[in-house]
Amino acid sequence: MVEQTLRNCRILVVEDEYLLADDLCNALTDAGAIVLGPVPEVEEALALIEREPHIDAAVLDVNLRGGMVFPVADALRDRNVPFALATGYDGWTLPERFSDVLRLEKPFRPERLVAKLSPLICSA
C-alpha cells in the first residue's frame, strides 16, 4: 500500500498535457490528496482559485498552450498557497519573483512530486 503522505490535502493541478495531468492526479490521489483540477488554462485556473475556499498547495505547468502560468502563481502567492513550478525551462528564464519557488524539471516522475510537496505543505 502507498503511504498517504498528503492525506486530505487539497492540491490544485494546472497542466495542459493530458497524460502528464492524469499521471500527476493519480500519484496525488494515491498519496491521499484531494485533487482540484486538472485545469489546462490560466483563466480556468484563476476561476477555480477564486471559488475554492481552501487550497493547500498547487503544481503549475509553466507553459500552458503557449501562455505562461504566472498570473496563476501570483494569485496563489496572494493567498499564501505554496506551489511548485513544473517546467522544462532553465531556472534563469523564470521571473525573479519566483526564484524561491520549488521548480520541478520536466520530465519528472509523479512520485517524486509527492515527496517534494509534503514538506512544502508542512512548512506553509
PDB file of N, CA and C in Angstrom:
ATOM      1  N   MET A   1       0.842  -1.184   0.000  1.00  0.00           N
ATOM      2  CA  MET A   1       0.000   0.000   0.000  1.00  0.00           C
ATOM      3  C   MET A   1       0.886   1.246   0.000  1.00  0.00           C
ATOM      4  N   VAL A   2       0.501   2.252  -0.757  1.00  0.00           N
ATOM      5  CA  VAL A   2       1.235   3.503  -0.842  1.00  0.00           C
ATOM      6  C   VAL A   2       0.986   4.336   0.412  1.00  0.00           C
ATOM      7  N   GLU A   3       2.063   4.903   0.948  1.00  0.00           N
ATOM      8  CA  GLU A   3       1.917   5.767   2.114  1.00  0.00           C
ATOM      9  C   GLU A   3       1.170   7.034   1.707  1.00  0.00           C
ATOM     10  N   GLN A   4       0.154   7.389   2.456  1.00  0.00           N
ATOM     11  CA  GLN A   4      -0.676   8.545   2.099  1.00  0.00           C
ATOM     12  C   GLN A   4      -0.167   9.798   2.810  1.00  0.00           C
ATOM     13  N   THR A   5       0.953  10.318   2.304  1.00  0.00           N
ATOM     14  CA  THR A   5       1.624  11.456   2.915  1.00  0.00           C
ATOM     15  C   THR A   5       0.879  12.768   2.716  1.00  0.00           C
ATOM     16  N   LEU A   6      -0.051  12.799   1.781  1.00  0.00           N
ATOM     17  CA  LEU A   6      -0.804  14.033   1.506  1.00  0.00           C
ATOM     18  C   LEU A   6      -2.286  13.864   1.845  1.00  0.00           C
ATOM     19  N   ARG A   7      -2.574  13.003   2.795  1.00  0.00           N
ATOM     20  CA  ARG A   7      -3.965  12.700   3.137  1.00  0.00           C
ATOM     21  C   ARG A   7      -4.780  13.978   3.374  1.00  0.00           C
ATOM     22  N   ASN A   8      -5.865  14.093   2.595  1.00  0.00           N
ATOM     23  CA  ASN A   8      -6.838  15.184   2.684  1.00  0.00           C
ATOM     24  C   ASN A   8      -6.281  16.569   2.339  1.00  0.00           C
ATOM     25  N   CYS A   9      -5.079  16.634   1.789  1.00  0.00           N
ATOM     26  CA  CYS A   9      -4.550  17.915   1.314  1.00  0.00           C
ATOM     27  C   CYS A   9      -5.203  18.226  -0.032  1.00  0.00           C
ATOM     28  N   ARG A  10      -5.634  19.465  -0.176  1.00  0.00           N
ATOM     29  CA  ARG A  10      -6.299  19.901  -1.409  1.00  0.00           C
ATOM     30  C   ARG A  10      -5.239  20.500  -2.337  1.00  0.00           C
ATOM     31  N   ILE A  11      -4.926  19.764  -3.415  1.00  0.00           N
ATOM     32  CA  ILE A  11      -3.843  20.129  -4.317  1.00  0.00           C
ATOM     33  C   ILE A  11      -4.416  20.514  -5.687  1.00  0.00           C
ATOM     34  N   LEU A  12      -4.125  21.715  -6.112  1.00  0.00           N
ATOM     35  CA  LEU A  12      -4.521  22.195  -7.433  1.00  0.00           C
ATOM     36  C   LEU A  12      -3.487  21.741  -8.457  1.00  0.00           C
ATOM     37  N   VAL A  13      -3.951  21.153  -9.556  1.00  0.00           N
ATOM     38  CA  VAL A  13      -3.077  20.745 -10.653  1.00  0.00           C
ATOM     39  C   VAL A  13      -3.448  21.572 -11.880  1.00  0.00           C
ATOM     40  N   VAL A  14      -2.465  22.328 -12.380  1.00  0.00           N
ATOM     41  CA  VAL A  14      -2.642  23.119 -13.590  1.00  0.00           C
ATOM     42  C   VAL A  14      -1.663  22.571 -14.625  1.00  0.00           C
ATOM     43  N   GLU A  15      -2.192  21.828 -15.568  1.00  0.00           N
ATOM     44  CA  GLU A  15      -1.369  21.119 -16.560  1.00  0.00           C
ATOM     45  C   GLU A  15      -2.198  20.934 -17.827  1.00  0.00           C
ATOM     46  N   ASP A  16      -1.616  21.229 -18.979  1.00  0.00           N
ATOM     47  CA  ASP A  16      -2.362  21.119 -20.235  1.00  0.00           C
ATOM     48  C   ASP A  16      -2.075  19.850 -21.027  1.00  0.00           C
ATOM     49  N   GLU A  17      -1.107  19.063 -20.625  1.00  0.00           N
ATOM     50  CA  GLU A  17      -0.828  17.796 -21.303  1.00  0.00           C
ATOM     51  C   GLU A  17      -1.598  16.692 -20.586  1.00  0.00           C
ATOM     52  N   TYR A  18      -2.561  16.109 -21.287  1.00  0.00           N
ATOM     53  CA  TYR A  18      -3.494  15.166 -20.672  1.00  0.00           C
ATOM     54  C   TYR A  18      -2.795  14.020 -19.939  1.00  0.00           C
ATOM     55  N   LEU A  19      -1.867  13.358 -20.596  1.00  0.00           N
ATOM     56  CA  LEU A  19      -1.234  12.189 -19.976  1.00  0.00           C
ATOM     57  C   LEU A  19      -0.446  12.558 -18.725  1.00  0.00           C
ATOM     58  N   LEU A  20       0.263  13.671 -18.771  1.00  0.00           N
ATOM     59  CA  LEU A  20       1.002  14.117 -17.591  1.00  0.00           C
ATOM     60  C   LEU A  20       0.038  14.513 -16.475  1.00  0.00           C
ATOM     61  N   ALA A  21      -1.016  15.228 -16.827  1.00  0.00           N
ATOM     62  CA  ALA A  21      -2.016  15.608 -15.828  1.00  0.00           C
ATOM     63  C   ALA A  21      -2.624  14.367 -15.171  1.00  0.00           C
ATOM     64  N   ASP A  22      -2.933  13.367 -15.976  1.00  0.00           N
ATOM     65  CA  ASP A  22      -3.513  12.131 -15.455  1.00  0.00           C
ATOM     66  C   ASP A  22      -2.534  11.429 -14.511  1.00  0.00           C
ATOM     67  N   ASP A  23      -1.261  11.341 -14.907  1.00  0.00           N
ATOM     68  CA  ASP A  23      -0.249  10.725 -14.044  1.00  0.00           C
ATOM     69  C   ASP A  23      -0.104  11.488 -12.729  1.00  0.00           C
ATOM     70  N   LEU A  24      -0.078  12.822 -12.812  1.00  0.00           N
ATOM     71  CA  LEU A  24       0.039  13.640 -11.596  1.00  0.00           C
ATOM     72  C   LEU A  24      -1.148  13.420 -10.670  1.00  0.00           C
ATOM     73  N   CYS A  25      -2.334  13.460 -11.239  1.00  0.00           N
ATOM     74  CA  CYS A  25      -3.534  13.290 -10.428  1.00  0.00           C
ATOM     75  C   CYS A  25      -3.577  11.917  -9.776  1.00  0.00           C
ATOM     76  N   ASN A  26      -3.183  10.884 -10.512  1.00  0.00           N
ATOM     77  CA  ASN A  26      -3.156   9.535  -9.933  1.00  0.00           C
ATOM     78  C   ASN A  26      -2.152   9.435  -8.791  1.00  0.00           C
ATOM     79  N   ALA A  27      -0.961  10.004  -8.974  1.00  0.00           N
ATOM     80  CA  ALA A  27       0.054   9.960  -7.918  1.00  0.00           C
ATOM     81  C   ALA A  27      -0.415  10.723  -6.680  1.00  0.00           C
ATOM     82  N   LEU A  28      -1.026  11.871  -6.886  1.00  0.00           N
ATOM     83  CA  LEU A  28      -1.519  12.666  -5.756  1.00  0.00           C
ATOM     84  C   LEU A  28      -2.664  11.959  -5.039  1.00  0.00           C
ATOM     85  N   THR A  29      -3.581  11.381  -5.798  1.00  0.00           N
ATOM     86  CA  THR A  29      -4.693  10.638  -5.206  1.00  0.00           C
ATOM     87  C   THR A  29      -4.181   9.436  -4.425  1.00  0.00           C
ATOM     88  N   ASP A  30      -3.202   8.723  -4.988  1.00  0.00           N
ATOM     89  CA  ASP A  30      -2.612   7.578  -4.275  1.00  0.00           C
ATOM     90  C   ASP A  30      -1.963   8.009  -2.967  1.00  0.00           C
ATOM     91  N   ALA A  31      -1.478   9.250  -2.909  1.00  0.00           N
ATOM     92  CA  ALA A  31      -0.855   9.773  -1.686  1.00  0.00           C
ATOM     93  C   ALA A  31      -1.894  10.360  -0.729  1.00  0.00           C
ATOM     94  N   GLY A  32      -3.181  10.228  -1.098  1.00  0.00           N
ATOM     95  CA  GLY A  32      -4.255  10.666  -0.207  1.00  0.00           C
ATOM     96  C   GLY A  32      -4.772  12.065  -0.459  1.00  0.00           C
ATOM     97  N   ALA A  33      -4.246  12.746  -1.449  1.00  0.00           N
ATOM     98  CA  ALA A  33      -4.655  14.131  -1.720  1.00  0.00           C
ATOM     99  C   ALA A  33      -6.031  14.190  -2.372  1.00  0.00           C
ATOM    100  N   ILE A  34      -6.656  15.325  -2.196  1.00  0.00           N
ATOM    101  CA  ILE A  34      -7.877  15.677  -2.918  1.00  0.00           C
ATOM    102  C   ILE A  34      -7.425  16.586  -4.045  1.00  0.00           C
ATOM    103  N   VAL A  35      -7.579  16.131  -5.280  1.00  0.00           N
ATOM    104  CA  VAL A  35      -7.072  16.876  -6.430  1.00  0.00           C
ATOM    105  C   VAL A  35      -8.115  17.861  -6.927  1.00  0.00           C
ATOM    106  N   LEU A  36      -7.688  19.100  -7.079  1.00  0.00           N
ATOM    107  CA  LEU A  36      -8.518  20.135  -7.682  1.00  0.00           C
ATOM    108  C   LEU A  36      -8.033  20.286  -9.120  1.00  0.00           C
ATOM    109  N   GLY A  37      -8.884  19.994 -10.071  1.00  0.00           N
ATOM    110  CA  GLY A  37      -8.489  20.006 -11.466  1.00  0.00           C
ATOM    111  C   GLY A  37      -8.382  18.578 -11.961  1.00  0.00           C
ATOM    112  N   PRO A  38      -7.553  18.380 -12.950  1.00  0.00           N
ATOM    113  CA  PRO A  38      -6.587  19.325 -13.505  1.00  0.00           C
ATOM    114  C   PRO A  38      -7.270  20.356 -14.406  1.00  0.00           C
ATOM    115  N   VAL A  39      -6.661  21.524 -14.464  1.00  0.00           N
ATOM    116  CA  VAL A  39      -7.133  22.565 -15.360  1.00  0.00           C
ATOM    117  C   VAL A  39      -6.024  22.892 -16.355  1.00  0.00           C
ATOM    118  N   PRO A  40      -6.401  23.088 -17.631  1.00  0.00           N
ATOM    119  CA  PRO A  40      -5.397  23.270 -18.674  1.00  0.00           C
ATOM    120  C   PRO A  40      -5.127  24.714 -19.088  1.00  0.00           C
ATOM    121  N   GLU A  41      -5.865  25.665 -18.529  1.00  0.00           N
ATOM    122  CA  GLU A  41      -5.743  27.053 -18.984  1.00  0.00           C
ATOM    123  C   GLU A  41      -5.684  28.024 -17.811  1.00  0.00           C
ATOM    124  N   VAL A  42      -5.012  29.144 -18.032  1.00  0.00           N
ATOM    125  CA  VAL A  42      -4.845  30.168 -16.998  1.00  0.00           C
ATOM    126  C   VAL A  42      -6.194  30.665 -16.492  1.00  0.00           C
ATOM    127  N   GLU A  43      -7.096  31.020 -17.378  1.00  0.00           N
ATOM    128  CA  GLU A  43      -8.387  31.584 -16.971  1.00  0.00           C
ATOM    129  C   GLU A  43      -9.188  30.605 -16.124  1.00  0.00           C
ATOM    130  N   GLU A  44      -9.166  29.349 -16.517  1.00  0.00           N
ATOM    131  CA  GLU A  44      -9.886  28.323 -15.762  1.00  0.00           C
ATOM    132  C   GLU A  44      -9.257  28.135 -14.377  1.00  0.00           C
ATOM    133  N   ALA A  45      -7.942  28.169 -14.306  1.00  0.00           N
ATOM    134  CA  ALA A  45      -7.252  28.042 -13.015  1.00  0.00           C
ATOM    135  C   ALA A  45      -7.572  29.219 -12.105  1.00  0.00           C
ATOM    136  N   LEU A  46      -7.565  30.421 -12.662  1.00  0.00           N
ATOM    137  CA  LEU A  46      -7.893  31.608 -11.855  1.00  0.00           C
ATOM    138  C   LEU A  46      -9.319  31.538 -11.323  1.00  0.00           C
ATOM    139  N   ALA A  47     -10.247  31.069 -12.138  1.00  0.00           N
ATOM    140  CA  ALA A  47     -11.638  30.930 -11.695  1.00  0.00           C
ATOM    141  C   ALA A  47     -11.747  29.900 -10.575  1.00  0.00           C
ATOM    142  N   LEU A  48     -11.022  28.794 -10.694  1.00  0.00           N
ATOM    143  CA  LEU A  48     -11.047  27.770  -9.659  1.00  0.00           C
ATOM    144  C   LEU A  48     -10.468  28.315  -8.349  1.00  0.00           C
ATOM    145  N   ILE A  49      -9.378  29.047  -8.437  1.00  0.00           N
ATOM    146  CA  ILE A  49      -8.762  29.638  -7.242  1.00  0.00           C
ATOM    147  C   ILE A  49      -9.734  30.588  -6.559  1.00  0.00           C
ATOM    148  N   GLU A  50     -10.447  31.351  -7.352  1.00  0.00           N
ATOM    149  CA  GLU A  50     -11.384  32.324  -6.791  1.00  0.00           C
ATOM    150  C   GLU A  50     -12.543  31.656  -6.057  1.00  0.00           C
ATOM    151  N   ARG A  51     -13.010  30.521  -6.569  1.00  0.00           N
ATOM    152  CA  ARG A  51     -14.182  29.896  -5.952  1.00  0.00           C
ATOM    153  C   ARG A  51     -13.846  28.874  -4.869  1.00  0.00           C
ATOM    154  N   GLU A  52     -12.587  28.419  -4.804  1.00  0.00           N
ATOM    155  CA  GLU A  52     -12.197  27.417  -3.808  1.00  0.00           C
ATOM    156  C   GLU A  52     -11.831  28.103  -2.499  1.00  0.00           C
ATOM    157  N   PRO A  53     -12.501  27.749  -1.409  1.00  0.00           N
ATOM    158  CA  PRO A  53     -12.185  28.388  -0.132  1.00  0.00           C
ATOM    159  C   PRO A  53     -10.845  27.953   0.459  1.00  0.00           C
ATOM    160  N   HIS A  54     -10.385  26.744   0.118  1.00  0.00           N
ATOM    161  CA  HIS A  54      -9.141  26.247   0.715  1.00  0.00           C
ATOM    162  C   HIS A  54      -8.344  25.433  -0.303  1.00  0.00           C
ATOM    163  N   ILE A  55      -7.087  25.827  -0.498  1.00  0.00           N
ATOM    164  CA  ILE A  55      -6.149  25.089  -1.335  1.00  0.00           C
ATOM    165  C   ILE A  55      -4.869  24.953  -0.515  1.00  0.00           C
ATOM    166  N   ASP A  56      -4.380  23.728  -0.352  1.00  0.00           N
ATOM    167  CA  ASP A  56      -3.173  23.501   0.437  1.00  0.00           C
ATOM    168  C   ASP A  56      -1.894  23.739  -0.354  1.00  0.00           C
ATOM    169  N   ALA A  57      -1.922  23.406  -1.641  1.00  0.00           N
ATOM    170  CA  ALA A  57      -0.735  23.565  -2.482  1.00  0.00           C
ATOM    171  C   ALA A  57      -1.161  23.410  -3.938  1.00  0.00           C
ATOM    172  N   ALA A  58      -0.213  23.700  -4.834  1.00  0.00           N
ATOM    173  CA  ALA A  58      -0.507  23.577  -6.261  1.00  0.00           C
ATOM    174  C   ALA A  58       0.727  23.154  -7.030  1.00  0.00           C
ATOM    175  N   VAL A  59       0.487  22.515  -8.163  1.00  0.00           N
ATOM    176  CA  VAL A  59       1.531  22.168  -9.122  1.00  0.00           C
ATOM    177  C   VAL A  59       1.149  22.854 -10.418  1.00  0.00           C
ATOM    178  N   LEU A  60       2.037  23.721 -10.909  1.00  0.00           N
ATOM    179  CA  LEU A  60       1.736  24.534 -12.082  1.00  0.00           C
ATOM    180  C   LEU A  60       2.703  24.243 -13.218  1.00  0.00           C
ATOM    181  N   ASP A  61       2.164  23.846 -14.349  1.00  0.00           N
ATOM    182  CA  ASP A  61       2.952  23.759 -15.574  1.00  0.00           C
ATOM    183  C   ASP A  61       3.198  25.198 -16.020  1.00  0.00           C
ATOM    184  N   VAL A  62       4.432  25.555 -16.294  1.00  0.00           N
ATOM    185  CA  VAL A  62       4.766  26.944 -16.637  1.00  0.00           C
ATOM    186  C   VAL A  62       4.150  27.369 -17.965  1.00  0.00           C
ATOM    187  N   ASN A  63       4.214  26.498 -18.971  1.00  0.00           N
ATOM    188  CA  ASN A  63       3.727  26.853 -20.304  1.00  0.00           C
ATOM    189  C   ASN A  63       2.415  26.127 -20.562  1.00  0.00           C
ATOM    190  N   LEU A  64       1.327  26.892 -20.653  1.00  0.00           N
ATOM    191  CA  LEU A  64       0.004  26.325 -20.888  1.00  0.00           C
ATOM    192  C   LEU A  64      -0.503  26.755 -22.257  1.00  0.00           C
ATOM    193  N   ARG A  65      -0.423  25.852 -23.202  1.00  0.00           N
ATOM    194  CA  ARG A  65      -0.912  26.133 -24.551  1.00  0.00           C
ATOM    195  C   ARG A  65      -0.359  27.446 -25.092  1.00  0.00           C
ATOM    196  N   GLY A  66       0.931  27.652 -24.861  1.00  0.00           N
ATOM    197  CA  GLY A  66       1.606  28.842 -25.370  1.00  0.00           C
ATOM    198  C   GLY A  66       1.533  30.047 -24.452  1.00  0.00           C
ATOM    199  N   GLY A  67       0.712  29.997 -23.406  1.00  0.00           N
ATOM    200  CA  GLY A  67       0.628  31.086 -22.434  1.00  0.00           C
ATOM    201  C   GLY A  67       1.391  30.711 -21.176  1.00  0.00           C
ATOM    202  N   MET A  68       1.784  31.705 -20.428  1.00  0.00           N
ATOM    203  CA  MET A  68       2.536  31.449 -19.199  1.00  0.00           C
ATOM    204  C   MET A  68       1.603  31.440 -17.984  1.00  0.00           C
ATOM    205  N   VAL A  69       1.924  30.629 -17.011  1.00  0.00           N
ATOM    206  CA  VAL A  69       1.090  30.384 -15.834  1.00  0.00           C
ATOM    207  C   VAL A  69       1.276  31.438 -14.737  1.00  0.00           C
ATOM    208  N   PHE A  70       2.089  32.442 -14.973  1.00  0.00           N
ATOM    209  CA  PHE A  70       2.465  33.377 -13.913  1.00  0.00           C
ATOM    210  C   PHE A  70       1.300  34.104 -13.239  1.00  0.00           C
ATOM    211  N   PRO A  71       0.207  34.465 -13.943  1.00  0.00           N
ATOM    212  CA  PRO A  71      -0.930  35.057 -13.219  1.00  0.00           C
ATOM    213  C   PRO A  71      -1.523  34.103 -12.178  1.00  0.00           C
ATOM    214  N   VAL A  72      -1.499  32.814 -12.459  1.00  0.00           N
ATOM    215  CA  VAL A  72      -1.988  31.811 -11.512  1.00  0.00           C
ATOM    216  C   VAL A  72      -1.051  31.753 -10.299  1.00  0.00           C
ATOM    217  N   ALA A  73       0.245  31.751 -10.559  1.00  0.00           N
ATOM    218  CA  ALA A  73       1.228  31.746  -9.473  1.00  0.00           C
ATOM    219  C   ALA A  73       1.061  32.980  -8.592  1.00  0.00           C
ATOM    220  N   ASP A  74       0.840  34.129  -9.211  1.00  0.00           N
ATOM    221  CA  ASP A  74       0.633  35.363  -8.435  1.00  0.00           C
ATOM    222  C   ASP A  74      -0.623  35.267  -7.574  1.00  0.00           C
ATOM    223  N   ALA A  75      -1.699  34.718  -8.128  1.00  0.00           N
ATOM    224  CA  ALA A  75      -2.946  34.574  -7.361  1.00  0.00           C
ATOM    225  C   ALA A  75      -2.755  33.635  -6.175  1.00  0.00           C
ATOM    226  N   LEU A  76      -2.007  32.557  -6.377  1.00  0.00           N
ATOM    227  CA  LEU A  76      -1.737  31.634  -5.268  1.00  0.00           C
ATOM    228  C   LEU A  76      -0.865  32.304  -4.215  1.00  0.00           C
ATOM    229  N   ARG A  77       0.123  33.027  -4.654  1.00  0.00           N
ATOM    230  CA  ARG A  77       1.006  33.717  -3.705  1.00  0.00           C
ATOM    231  C   ARG A  77       0.210  34.738  -2.887  1.00  0.00           C
ATOM    232  N   ASP A  78      -0.738  35.425  -3.530  1.00  0.00           N
ATOM    233  CA  ASP A  78      -1.593  36.386  -2.815  1.00  0.00           C
ATOM    234  C   ASP A  78      -2.389  35.712  -1.706  1.00  0.00           C
ATOM    235  N   ARG A  79      -2.685  34.428  -1.871  1.00  0.00           N
ATOM    236  CA  ARG A  79      -3.435  33.660  -0.864  1.00  0.00           C
ATOM    237  C   ARG A  79      -2.512  32.850   0.039  1.00  0.00           C
ATOM    238  N   ASN A  80      -1.199  33.038  -0.105  1.00  0.00           N
ATOM    239  CA  ASN A  80      -0.212  32.294   0.693  1.00  0.00           C
ATOM    240  C   ASN A  80      -0.312  30.785   0.503  1.00  0.00           C
ATOM    241  N   VAL A  81      -0.603  30.372  -0.725  1.00  0.00           N
ATOM    242  CA  VAL A  81      -0.663  28.952  -1.061  1.00  0.00           C
ATOM    243  C   VAL A  81       0.680  28.554  -1.677  1.00  0.00           C
ATOM    244  N   PRO A  82       1.370  27.583  -1.096  1.00  0.00           N
ATOM    245  CA  PRO A  82       2.643  27.138  -1.681  1.00  0.00           C
ATOM    246  C   PRO A  82       2.393  26.408  -2.995  1.00  0.00           C
ATOM    247  N   PHE A  83       3.353  26.531  -3.909  1.00  0.00           N
ATOM    248  CA  PHE A  83       3.209  25.861  -5.199  1.00  0.00           C
ATOM    249  C   PHE A  83       4.574  25.493  -5.750  1.00  0.00           C
ATOM    250  N   ALA A  84       4.530  24.554  -6.693  1.00  0.00           N
ATOM    251  CA  ALA A  84       5.724  24.141  -7.418  1.00  0.00           C
ATOM    252  C   ALA A  84       5.504  24.446  -8.888  1.00  0.00           C
ATOM    253  N   LEU A  85       6.571  24.844  -9.563  1.00  0.00           N
ATOM    254  CA  LEU A  85       6.524  25.102 -10.996  1.00  0.00           C
ATOM    255  C   LEU A  85       7.134  23.915 -11.730  1.00  0.00           C
ATOM    256  N   ALA A  86       6.356  23.295 -12.597  1.00  0.00           N
ATOM    257  CA  ALA A  86       6.825  22.184 -13.402  1.00  0.00           C
ATOM    258  C   ALA A  86       7.197  22.737 -14.775  1.00  0.00           C
ATOM    259  N   THR A  87       8.449  22.553 -15.164  1.00  0.00           N
ATOM    260  CA  THR A  87       8.900  23.192 -16.390  1.00  0.00           C
ATOM    261  C   THR A  87      10.103  22.489 -17.005  1.00  0.00           C
ATOM    262  N   GLY A  88      10.236  22.680 -18.283  1.00  0.00           N
ATOM    263  CA  GLY A  88      11.436  22.255 -18.980  1.00  0.00           C
ATOM    264  C   GLY A  88      12.396  23.415 -19.165  1.00  0.00           C
ATOM    265  N   TYR A  89      11.969  24.611 -18.757  1.00  0.00           N
ATOM    266  CA  TYR A  89      12.800  25.811 -18.865  1.00  0.00           C
ATOM    267  C   TYR A  89      13.878  25.830 -17.792  1.00  0.00           C
ATOM    268  N   ASP A  90      14.995  26.458 -18.098  1.00  0.00           N
ATOM    269  CA  ASP A  90      16.029  26.685 -17.091  1.00  0.00           C
ATOM    270  C   ASP A  90      15.503  27.670 -16.055  1.00  0.00           C
ATOM    271  N   GLY A  91      16.018  27.571 -14.834  1.00  0.00           N
ATOM    272  CA  GLY A  91      15.573  28.445 -13.757  1.00  0.00           C
ATOM    273  C   GLY A  91      15.743  29.922 -14.057  1.00  0.00           C
ATOM    274  N   TRP A  92      16.795  30.298 -14.787  1.00  0.00           N
ATOM    275  CA  TRP A  92      17.055  31.713 -15.058  1.00  0.00           C
ATOM    276  C   TRP A  92      16.020  32.324 -15.995  1.00  0.00           C
ATOM    277  N   THR A  93      15.212  31.490 -16.680  1.00  0.00           N
ATOM    278  CA  THR A  93      14.198  32.024 -17.594  1.00  0.00           C
ATOM    279  C   THR A  93      12.918  32.426 -16.866  1.00  0.00           C
ATOM    280  N   LEU A  94      12.793  32.030 -15.605  1.00  0.00           N
ATOM    281  CA  LEU A  94      11.596  32.366 -14.826  1.00  0.00           C
ATOM    282  C   LEU A  94      11.742  33.750 -14.216  1.00  0.00           C
ATOM    283  N   PRO A  95      10.624  34.452 -14.014  1.00  0.00           N
ATOM    284  CA  PRO A  95      10.700  35.766 -13.373  1.00  0.00           C
ATOM    285  C   PRO A  95      11.383  35.690 -12.002  1.00  0.00           C
ATOM    286  N   GLU A  96      12.132  36.702 -11.678  1.00  0.00           N
ATOM    287  CA  GLU A  96      12.871  36.770 -10.412  1.00  0.00           C
ATOM    288  C   GLU A  96      11.970  36.550  -9.198  1.00  0.00           C
ATOM    289  N   ARG A  97      10.728  37.013  -9.282  1.00  0.00           N
ATOM    290  CA  ARG A  97       9.821  36.893  -8.125  1.00  0.00           C
ATOM    291  C   ARG A  97       9.508  35.438  -7.763  1.00  0.00           C
ATOM    292  N   PHE A  98       9.851  34.510  -8.659  1.00  0.00           N
ATOM    293  CA  PHE A  98       9.630  33.097  -8.382  1.00  0.00           C
ATOM    294  C   PHE A  98      10.927  32.333  -8.130  1.00  0.00           C
ATOM    295  N   SER A  99      11.987  33.046  -7.835  1.00  0.00           N
ATOM    296  CA  SER A  99      13.286  32.390  -7.628  1.00  0.00           C
ATOM    297  C   SER A  99      13.288  31.476  -6.396  1.00  0.00           C
ATOM    298  N   ASP A 100      12.394  31.710  -5.455  1.00  0.00           N
ATOM    299  CA  ASP A 100      12.324  30.909  -4.234  1.00  0.00           C
ATOM    300  C   ASP A 100      11.350  29.735  -4.339  1.00  0.00           C
ATOM    301  N   VAL A 101      10.700  29.584  -5.480  1.00  0.00           N
ATOM    302  CA  VAL A 101       9.674  28.561  -5.657  1.00  0.00           C
ATOM    303  C   VAL A 101      10.311  27.235  -6.082  1.00  0.00           C
ATOM    304  N   LEU A 102       9.795  26.146  -5.541  1.00  0.00           N
ATOM    305  CA  LEU A 102      10.238  24.819  -5.933  1.00  0.00           C
ATOM    306  C   LEU A 102      10.014  24.650  -7.430  1.00  0.00           C
ATOM    307  N   ARG A 103      11.074  24.248  -8.137  1.00  0.00           N
ATOM    308  CA  ARG A 103      10.993  24.036  -9.584  1.00  0.00           C
ATOM    309  C   ARG A 103      11.255  22.566  -9.854  1.00  0.00           C
ATOM    310  N   LEU A 104      10.316  21.942 -10.541  1.00  0.00           N
ATOM    311  CA  LEU A 104      10.445  20.538 -10.927  1.00  0.00           C
ATOM    312  C   LEU A 104      10.760  20.503 -12.412  1.00  0.00           C
ATOM    313  N   GLU A 105      11.936  19.984 -12.742  1.00  0.00           N
ATOM    314  CA  GLU A 105      12.332  19.926 -14.143  1.00  0.00           C
ATOM    315  C   GLU A 105      11.622  18.790 -14.849  1.00  0.00           C
ATOM    316  N   LYS A 106      10.980  19.123 -15.964  1.00  0.00           N
ATOM    317  CA  LYS A 106      10.346  18.097 -16.791  1.00  0.00           C
ATOM    318  C   LYS A 106      11.410  17.442 -17.655  1.00  0.00           C
ATOM    319  N   PRO A 107      11.309  16.183 -17.892  1.00  0.00           N
ATOM    320  CA  PRO A 107      10.298  15.277 -17.347  1.00  0.00           C
ATOM    321  C   PRO A 107      10.657  14.856 -15.920  1.00  0.00           C
ATOM    322  N   PHE A 108       9.659  14.616 -15.123  1.00  0.00           N
ATOM    323  CA  PHE A 108       9.880  14.123 -13.761  1.00  0.00           C
ATOM    324  C   PHE A 108       8.860  13.035 -13.472  1.00  0.00           C
ATOM    325  N   ARG A 109       9.182  12.230 -12.498  1.00  0.00           N
ATOM    326  CA  ARG A 109       8.268  11.163 -12.097  1.00  0.00           C
ATOM    327  C   ARG A 109       7.254  11.728 -11.114  1.00  0.00           C
ATOM    328  N   PRO A 110       5.969  11.463 -11.308  1.00  0.00           N
ATOM    329  CA  PRO A 110       4.947  11.976 -10.396  1.00  0.00           C
ATOM    330  C   PRO A 110       5.204  11.608  -8.936  1.00  0.00           C
ATOM    331  N   GLU A 111       5.799  10.440  -8.698  1.00  0.00           N
ATOM    332  CA  GLU A 111       6.082  10.031  -7.321  1.00  0.00           C
ATOM    333  C   GLU A 111       7.083  10.985  -6.666  1.00  0.00           C
ATOM    334  N   ARG A 112       7.999  11.503  -7.465  1.00  0.00           N
ATOM    335  CA  ARG A 112       8.983  12.472  -6.959  1.00  0.00           C
ATOM    336  C   ARG A 112       8.281  13.756  -6.517  1.00  0.00           C
ATOM    337  N   LEU A 113       7.258  14.135  -7.267  1.00  0.00           N
ATOM    338  CA  LEU A 113       6.474  15.321  -6.915  1.00  0.00           C
ATOM    339  C   LEU A 113       5.858  15.167  -5.533  1.00  0.00           C
ATOM    340  N   VAL A 114       5.285  14.005  -5.264  1.00  0.00           N
ATOM    341  CA  VAL A 114       4.646  13.760  -3.965  1.00  0.00           C
ATOM    342  C   VAL A 114       5.659  13.951  -2.845  1.00  0.00           C
ATOM    343  N   ALA A 115       6.851  13.428  -3.011  1.00  0.00           N
ATOM    344  CA  ALA A 115       7.895  13.560  -1.989  1.00  0.00           C
ATOM    345  C   ALA A 115       8.294  15.018  -1.788  1.00  0.00           C
ATOM    346  N   LYS A 116       8.278  15.808  -2.851  1.00  0.00           N
ATOM    347  CA  LYS A 116       8.656  17.222  -2.748  1.00  0.00           C
ATOM    348  C   LYS A 116       7.528  18.077  -2.187  1.00  0.00           C
ATOM    349  N   LEU A 117       6.269  17.708  -2.421  1.00  0.00           N
ATOM    350  CA  LEU A 117       5.143  18.526  -1.951  1.00  0.00           C
ATOM    351  C   LEU A 117       4.901  18.420  -0.452  1.00  0.00           C
ATOM    352  N   SER A 118       5.112  17.248   0.118  1.00  0.00           N
ATOM    353  CA  SER A 118       4.834  17.063   1.545  1.00  0.00           C
ATOM    354  C   SER A 118       5.530  18.109   2.421  1.00  0.00           C
ATOM    355  N   PRO A 119       6.847  18.312   2.305  1.00  0.00           N
ATOM    356  CA  PRO A 119       7.492  19.331   3.154  1.00  0.00           C
ATOM    357  C   PRO A 119       7.036  20.754   2.805  1.00  0.00           C
ATOM    358  N   LEU A 120       6.689  20.977   1.560  1.00  0.00           N
ATOM    359  CA  LEU A 120       6.229  22.299   1.137  1.00  0.00           C
ATOM    360  C   LEU A 120       4.946  22.669   1.874  1.00  0.00           C
ATOM    361  N   ILE A 121       4.047  21.715   1.999  1.00  0.00           N
ATOM    362  CA  ILE A 121       2.776  21.953   2.693  1.00  0.00           C
ATOM    363  C   ILE A 121       3.013  22.071   4.192  1.00  0.00           C
ATOM    364  N   CYS A 122       3.865  21.216   4.737  1.00  0.00           N
ATOM    365  CA  CYS A 122       4.131  21.237   6.171  1.00  0.00           C
ATOM    366  C   CYS A 122       4.785  22.547   6.615  1.00  0.00           C
ATOM    367  N   SER A 123       5.576  23.168   5.726  1.00  0.00           N
ATOM    368  CA  SER A 123       6.258  24.404   6.106  1.00  0.00           C
ATOM    369  C   SER A 123       5.423  25.646   5.846  1.00  0.00           C
ATOM    370  N   ALA A 124       4.247  25.470   5.231  1.00  0.00           N
ATOM    371  CA  ALA A 124       3.399  26.630   4.903  1.00  0.00           C
ATOM    372  C   ALA A 124       2.679  27.155   6.124  1.00  0.00           C
TER     373      ALA A 124
END
